[in-house]
N, C-alpha and C. Protein backbone atom coordinates (compact mmCIF):
# COMPACT_ATOMS: atom_id res chain seq x y z
N MET A 1 0.85 -1.17 0.00
CA MET A 1 0.00 0.00 0.00
C MET A 1 0.90 1.24 0.00
N PRO A 2 0.71 2.16 -0.94
CA PRO A 2 1.54 3.37 -0.99
C PRO A 2 1.25 4.30 0.19
N VAL A 3 2.28 4.99 0.62
CA VAL A 3 2.15 5.95 1.71
C VAL A 3 2.43 7.34 1.14
N THR A 4 1.59 8.28 1.48
CA THR A 4 1.80 9.66 1.06
C THR A 4 3.09 10.19 1.67
N THR A 5 3.86 10.91 0.90
CA THR A 5 5.13 11.45 1.40
C THR A 5 4.94 12.84 2.00
N ILE A 6 5.91 13.23 2.80
CA ILE A 6 5.94 14.59 3.36
C ILE A 6 6.00 15.59 2.22
N ALA A 7 6.82 15.30 1.21
CA ALA A 7 6.97 16.21 0.07
C ALA A 7 5.63 16.42 -0.64
N TRP A 8 4.86 15.34 -0.85
CA TRP A 8 3.58 15.48 -1.53
C TRP A 8 2.62 16.33 -0.69
N ARG A 9 2.55 16.04 0.60
CA ARG A 9 1.64 16.80 1.48
C ARG A 9 1.99 18.28 1.47
N LEU A 10 3.27 18.61 1.60
CA LEU A 10 3.67 20.02 1.60
C LEU A 10 3.41 20.67 0.25
N GLY A 11 3.64 19.92 -0.83
CA GLY A 11 3.36 20.44 -2.16
C GLY A 11 1.89 20.73 -2.34
N TYR A 12 1.05 19.80 -1.93
CA TYR A 12 -0.39 20.01 -2.04
C TYR A 12 -0.84 21.15 -1.14
N LEU A 13 -0.36 21.14 0.09
CA LEU A 13 -0.74 22.16 1.07
C LEU A 13 -0.43 23.57 0.56
N GLY A 14 0.81 23.79 0.16
CA GLY A 14 1.20 25.12 -0.29
C GLY A 14 0.73 25.43 -1.69
N GLY A 15 0.84 24.44 -2.56
CA GLY A 15 0.55 24.68 -3.96
C GLY A 15 -0.92 24.74 -4.30
N MET A 16 -1.64 23.68 -4.04
CA MET A 16 -3.03 23.64 -4.48
C MET A 16 -4.02 24.11 -3.41
N ALA A 17 -3.79 23.74 -2.15
CA ALA A 17 -4.76 24.13 -1.13
C ALA A 17 -4.68 25.61 -0.78
N VAL A 18 -3.54 26.22 -0.94
CA VAL A 18 -3.43 27.66 -0.65
C VAL A 18 -3.19 28.45 -1.94
N GLY A 19 -2.15 28.10 -2.67
CA GLY A 19 -1.85 28.81 -3.91
C GLY A 19 -2.93 28.64 -4.97
N GLY A 20 -3.43 27.42 -5.10
CA GLY A 20 -4.50 27.17 -6.07
C GLY A 20 -5.77 27.92 -5.71
N PHE A 21 -6.11 27.95 -4.43
CA PHE A 21 -7.28 28.70 -4.00
C PHE A 21 -7.09 30.18 -4.29
N ALA A 22 -5.90 30.69 -4.01
CA ALA A 22 -5.61 32.11 -4.26
C ALA A 22 -5.74 32.42 -5.74
N MET A 23 -5.19 31.56 -6.58
CA MET A 23 -5.23 31.81 -8.02
C MET A 23 -6.66 31.73 -8.54
N ARG A 24 -7.46 30.80 -8.01
CA ARG A 24 -8.85 30.67 -8.47
C ARG A 24 -9.72 31.81 -7.96
N ARG A 25 -9.51 32.25 -6.73
CA ARG A 25 -10.38 33.29 -6.16
C ARG A 25 -9.93 34.70 -6.53
N PHE A 26 -8.61 34.92 -6.57
CA PHE A 26 -8.11 36.29 -6.77
C PHE A 26 -7.29 36.47 -8.05
N GLY A 27 -6.98 35.39 -8.74
CA GLY A 27 -6.15 35.49 -9.93
C GLY A 27 -6.89 35.01 -11.17
N ASP A 28 -6.13 34.46 -12.09
CA ASP A 28 -6.71 34.04 -13.36
C ASP A 28 -7.06 32.56 -13.41
N GLY A 29 -6.84 31.83 -12.33
CA GLY A 29 -7.23 30.43 -12.26
C GLY A 29 -6.34 29.46 -13.03
N THR A 30 -5.18 29.91 -13.45
CA THR A 30 -4.33 29.05 -14.29
C THR A 30 -3.45 28.09 -13.50
N LEU A 31 -3.37 28.24 -12.19
CA LEU A 31 -2.54 27.32 -11.41
C LEU A 31 -3.29 26.00 -11.25
N THR A 32 -2.78 24.96 -11.85
CA THR A 32 -3.38 23.63 -11.75
C THR A 32 -2.27 22.64 -11.41
N THR A 33 -2.65 21.42 -11.12
CA THR A 33 -1.65 20.40 -10.80
C THR A 33 -0.73 20.14 -11.99
N ARG A 34 -1.19 20.42 -13.19
CA ARG A 34 -0.34 20.25 -14.38
C ARG A 34 0.69 21.37 -14.51
N HIS A 35 0.37 22.54 -13.98
CA HIS A 35 1.23 23.71 -14.20
C HIS A 35 2.07 24.13 -12.99
N ILE A 36 1.77 23.56 -11.85
CA ILE A 36 2.50 23.98 -10.65
C ILE A 36 3.92 23.41 -10.68
N ARG A 37 4.83 24.18 -10.15
CA ARG A 37 6.23 23.73 -10.06
C ARG A 37 6.55 23.48 -8.59
N TYR A 38 6.50 22.21 -8.22
CA TYR A 38 6.78 21.82 -6.85
C TYR A 38 8.28 21.92 -6.58
N PRO A 39 8.65 22.23 -5.35
CA PRO A 39 10.09 22.28 -5.03
C PRO A 39 10.71 20.90 -5.15
N SER A 40 11.90 20.85 -5.70
CA SER A 40 12.57 19.56 -5.86
C SER A 40 13.54 19.27 -4.72
N ARG A 41 13.80 20.27 -3.88
CA ARG A 41 14.72 20.10 -2.75
C ARG A 41 14.05 20.60 -1.48
N ALA A 42 14.36 19.97 -0.38
CA ALA A 42 13.78 20.39 0.90
C ALA A 42 14.11 21.85 1.20
N ALA A 43 15.27 22.30 0.79
CA ALA A 43 15.69 23.68 1.06
C ALA A 43 14.79 24.70 0.37
N ASP A 44 14.06 24.28 -0.66
CA ASP A 44 13.20 25.20 -1.41
C ASP A 44 11.75 25.22 -0.93
N VAL A 45 11.42 24.35 0.00
CA VAL A 45 10.03 24.23 0.45
C VAL A 45 9.54 25.51 1.14
N GLN A 46 10.34 26.10 2.00
CA GLN A 46 9.91 27.30 2.73
C GLN A 46 9.54 28.43 1.78
N THR A 47 10.36 28.65 0.76
CA THR A 47 10.08 29.69 -0.23
C THR A 47 8.79 29.38 -0.98
N PHE A 48 8.62 28.13 -1.36
CA PHE A 48 7.42 27.67 -2.06
C PHE A 48 6.17 27.94 -1.22
N LEU A 49 6.21 27.53 0.05
CA LEU A 49 5.06 27.75 0.93
C LEU A 49 4.79 29.24 1.14
N ASP A 50 5.85 30.01 1.38
CA ASP A 50 5.70 31.45 1.59
C ASP A 50 5.07 32.13 0.37
N GLN A 51 5.53 31.79 -0.81
CA GLN A 51 5.02 32.40 -2.04
C GLN A 51 3.51 32.18 -2.18
N HIS A 52 3.07 30.96 -1.97
CA HIS A 52 1.66 30.65 -2.15
C HIS A 52 0.81 31.20 -1.00
N TYR A 53 1.35 31.18 0.20
CA TYR A 53 0.62 31.76 1.32
C TYR A 53 0.45 33.27 1.12
N ARG A 54 1.50 33.95 0.67
CA ARG A 54 1.42 35.40 0.44
C ARG A 54 0.32 35.74 -0.56
N ALA A 55 0.20 34.94 -1.62
CA ALA A 55 -0.85 35.19 -2.62
C ALA A 55 -2.24 35.07 -2.00
N TRP A 56 -2.45 34.06 -1.17
CA TRP A 56 -3.73 33.86 -0.50
C TRP A 56 -3.99 34.99 0.50
N TYR A 57 -3.01 35.28 1.34
CA TYR A 57 -3.15 36.31 2.35
C TYR A 57 -3.40 37.69 1.72
N THR A 58 -2.67 38.01 0.68
CA THR A 58 -2.83 39.30 0.01
C THR A 58 -4.24 39.43 -0.56
N GLY A 59 -4.73 38.37 -1.17
CA GLY A 59 -6.10 38.39 -1.70
C GLY A 59 -7.12 38.61 -0.61
N LEU A 60 -7.01 37.88 0.48
CA LEU A 60 -7.96 38.03 1.58
C LEU A 60 -7.84 39.41 2.22
N ASP A 61 -6.61 39.88 2.38
CA ASP A 61 -6.38 41.18 3.01
C ASP A 61 -6.97 42.32 2.18
N GLY A 62 -7.08 42.14 0.88
CA GLY A 62 -7.61 43.17 0.01
C GLY A 62 -9.13 43.20 -0.08
N LEU A 63 -9.79 42.24 0.55
CA LEU A 63 -11.25 42.20 0.50
C LEU A 63 -11.85 43.27 1.41
N GLY A 64 -12.85 43.93 0.93
CA GLY A 64 -13.65 44.80 1.78
C GLY A 64 -14.76 43.97 2.39
N PRO A 65 -15.61 44.58 3.21
CA PRO A 65 -16.71 43.83 3.84
C PRO A 65 -17.59 43.08 2.84
N SER A 66 -17.88 43.70 1.73
CA SER A 66 -18.73 43.01 0.76
C SER A 66 -17.99 41.87 0.07
N GLY A 67 -16.67 41.98 -0.06
CA GLY A 67 -15.88 40.93 -0.69
C GLY A 67 -15.93 39.62 0.08
N TRP A 68 -15.99 39.70 1.39
CA TRP A 68 -16.08 38.50 2.22
C TRP A 68 -17.42 37.79 2.00
N ALA A 69 -18.44 38.57 1.65
CA ALA A 69 -19.77 38.00 1.45
C ALA A 69 -19.99 37.51 0.02
N ASP A 70 -19.13 37.90 -0.91
CA ASP A 70 -19.30 37.52 -2.31
C ASP A 70 -19.14 36.01 -2.49
N PRO A 71 -20.01 35.43 -3.34
CA PRO A 71 -19.83 34.01 -3.65
C PRO A 71 -18.63 33.84 -4.58
N PRO A 72 -17.88 32.75 -4.42
CA PRO A 72 -16.70 32.52 -5.26
C PRO A 72 -17.02 32.29 -6.73
N GLY A 73 -18.19 31.77 -7.05
CA GLY A 73 -18.58 31.57 -8.43
C GLY A 73 -18.59 30.12 -8.87
N PRO A 74 -19.05 29.87 -10.10
CA PRO A 74 -19.30 28.51 -10.56
C PRO A 74 -18.07 27.59 -10.61
N SER A 75 -16.89 28.12 -10.74
CA SER A 75 -15.70 27.26 -10.80
C SER A 75 -15.40 26.59 -9.47
N TRP A 76 -16.12 26.96 -8.44
CA TRP A 76 -15.86 26.41 -7.11
C TRP A 76 -16.75 25.24 -6.75
N GLY A 77 -17.51 24.73 -7.70
CA GLY A 77 -18.32 23.54 -7.43
C GLY A 77 -19.26 23.74 -6.25
N SER A 78 -19.12 22.91 -5.23
CA SER A 78 -20.03 22.97 -4.09
C SER A 78 -19.89 24.27 -3.29
N PHE A 79 -18.82 25.01 -3.49
CA PHE A 79 -18.64 26.29 -2.81
C PHE A 79 -19.12 27.47 -3.65
N ALA A 80 -19.65 27.21 -4.82
CA ALA A 80 -20.05 28.28 -5.75
C ALA A 80 -21.02 29.28 -5.14
N ARG A 81 -21.93 28.81 -4.34
CA ARG A 81 -22.95 29.69 -3.75
C ARG A 81 -22.62 30.09 -2.32
N ALA A 82 -21.52 29.58 -1.81
CA ALA A 82 -21.10 29.97 -0.45
C ALA A 82 -20.57 31.40 -0.54
N ASN A 83 -19.85 31.83 0.45
CA ASN A 83 -19.22 33.16 0.38
C ASN A 83 -17.72 32.99 0.59
N THR A 84 -16.99 34.07 0.39
CA THR A 84 -15.54 33.99 0.50
C THR A 84 -15.10 33.66 1.92
N PHE A 85 -15.88 34.08 2.91
CA PHE A 85 -15.56 33.71 4.28
C PHE A 85 -15.61 32.19 4.45
N GLY A 86 -16.66 31.57 3.93
CA GLY A 86 -16.77 30.11 3.99
C GLY A 86 -15.63 29.43 3.25
N LEU A 87 -15.24 29.99 2.12
CA LEU A 87 -14.11 29.46 1.36
C LEU A 87 -12.82 29.58 2.16
N ALA A 88 -12.63 30.71 2.83
CA ALA A 88 -11.43 30.91 3.65
C ALA A 88 -11.40 29.90 4.80
N MET A 89 -12.55 29.62 5.38
CA MET A 89 -12.61 28.61 6.46
C MET A 89 -12.28 27.23 5.91
N HIS A 90 -12.74 26.94 4.70
CA HIS A 90 -12.40 25.65 4.07
C HIS A 90 -10.90 25.57 3.82
N ALA A 91 -10.30 26.64 3.35
CA ALA A 91 -8.85 26.66 3.12
C ALA A 91 -8.11 26.43 4.44
N LEU A 92 -8.57 27.05 5.51
CA LEU A 92 -7.96 26.85 6.82
C LEU A 92 -8.08 25.38 7.24
N ASP A 93 -9.22 24.79 6.99
CA ASP A 93 -9.42 23.37 7.29
C ASP A 93 -8.43 22.51 6.50
N GLU A 94 -8.21 22.84 5.23
CA GLU A 94 -7.24 22.11 4.41
C GLU A 94 -5.82 22.25 4.99
N VAL A 95 -5.47 23.46 5.40
CA VAL A 95 -4.14 23.69 5.98
C VAL A 95 -3.96 22.86 7.25
N ILE A 96 -4.94 22.91 8.13
CA ILE A 96 -4.86 22.14 9.38
C ILE A 96 -4.77 20.65 9.09
N HIS A 97 -5.61 20.17 8.21
CA HIS A 97 -5.67 18.76 7.85
C HIS A 97 -4.33 18.26 7.31
N HIS A 98 -3.80 18.95 6.31
CA HIS A 98 -2.56 18.48 5.69
C HIS A 98 -1.34 18.75 6.57
N ALA A 99 -1.32 19.85 7.30
CA ALA A 99 -0.20 20.12 8.20
C ALA A 99 -0.15 19.07 9.32
N ALA A 100 -1.31 18.65 9.82
CA ALA A 100 -1.34 17.60 10.84
C ALA A 100 -0.78 16.30 10.29
N LYS A 101 -1.12 15.99 9.06
CA LYS A 101 -0.59 14.76 8.46
C LYS A 101 0.92 14.85 8.25
N VAL A 102 1.42 16.03 7.91
CA VAL A 102 2.86 16.22 7.80
C VAL A 102 3.51 15.95 9.16
N GLY A 103 2.89 16.44 10.22
CA GLY A 103 3.42 16.21 11.57
C GLY A 103 3.49 14.73 11.90
N VAL A 104 2.44 13.99 11.56
CA VAL A 104 2.44 12.54 11.82
C VAL A 104 3.53 11.86 11.01
N LEU A 105 3.64 12.21 9.73
CA LEU A 105 4.68 11.60 8.89
C LEU A 105 6.08 11.90 9.40
N ARG A 106 6.28 13.13 9.87
CA ARG A 106 7.60 13.48 10.43
C ARG A 106 7.90 12.66 11.68
N ASP A 107 6.89 12.49 12.53
CA ASP A 107 7.09 11.68 13.73
C ASP A 107 7.41 10.23 13.37
N LEU A 108 6.67 9.69 12.41
CA LEU A 108 6.93 8.31 11.99
C LEU A 108 8.33 8.18 11.41
N TYR A 109 8.73 9.14 10.60
CA TYR A 109 10.06 9.08 9.99
C TYR A 109 11.15 9.18 11.08
N ALA A 110 10.97 10.09 12.00
CA ALA A 110 11.97 10.28 13.05
C ALA A 110 12.11 9.05 13.93
N ASN A 111 11.05 8.28 14.04
CA ASN A 111 11.06 7.10 14.91
C ASN A 111 10.99 5.79 14.14
N ARG A 112 11.36 5.82 12.86
CA ARG A 112 11.22 4.65 12.00
C ARG A 112 11.97 3.43 12.51
N ALA A 113 13.12 3.62 13.12
CA ALA A 113 13.90 2.46 13.58
C ALA A 113 13.14 1.68 14.66
N SER A 114 12.40 2.38 15.49
CA SER A 114 11.67 1.69 16.57
C SER A 114 10.35 1.07 16.10
N LEU A 115 9.93 1.39 14.90
CA LEU A 115 8.65 0.87 14.41
C LEU A 115 8.74 -0.57 13.95
N TYR A 116 9.94 -1.03 13.70
CA TYR A 116 10.12 -2.39 13.19
C TYR A 116 10.60 -3.36 14.27
N GLY A 117 10.50 -2.90 15.52
CA GLY A 117 10.82 -3.63 16.71
C GLY A 117 11.72 -4.74 16.64
């Protein structure tokens, strides 16, 4: 059975769950799994995460009161009729979910020698 890697989780977390949401809600929607450039080295992950987080944060920070209430639109599927606040809460849920899994994978990796008793 394949196990998800830390690299995949961090790539998805920063790239699609945050950067992809930012591009779809505040940009031109062109960031997709086919077009994203995931970091190839651990040393590049922080920059990758920061870049995509900044795009999301900047978009949210630029919203006025009515912007938070605006629906994201048809490209958002089940979130199409929700509002941007609901979308932001969903993005936060994605961050928590995937970051928690990264934590578990890191713990397992750090203790791998003891897992095979």
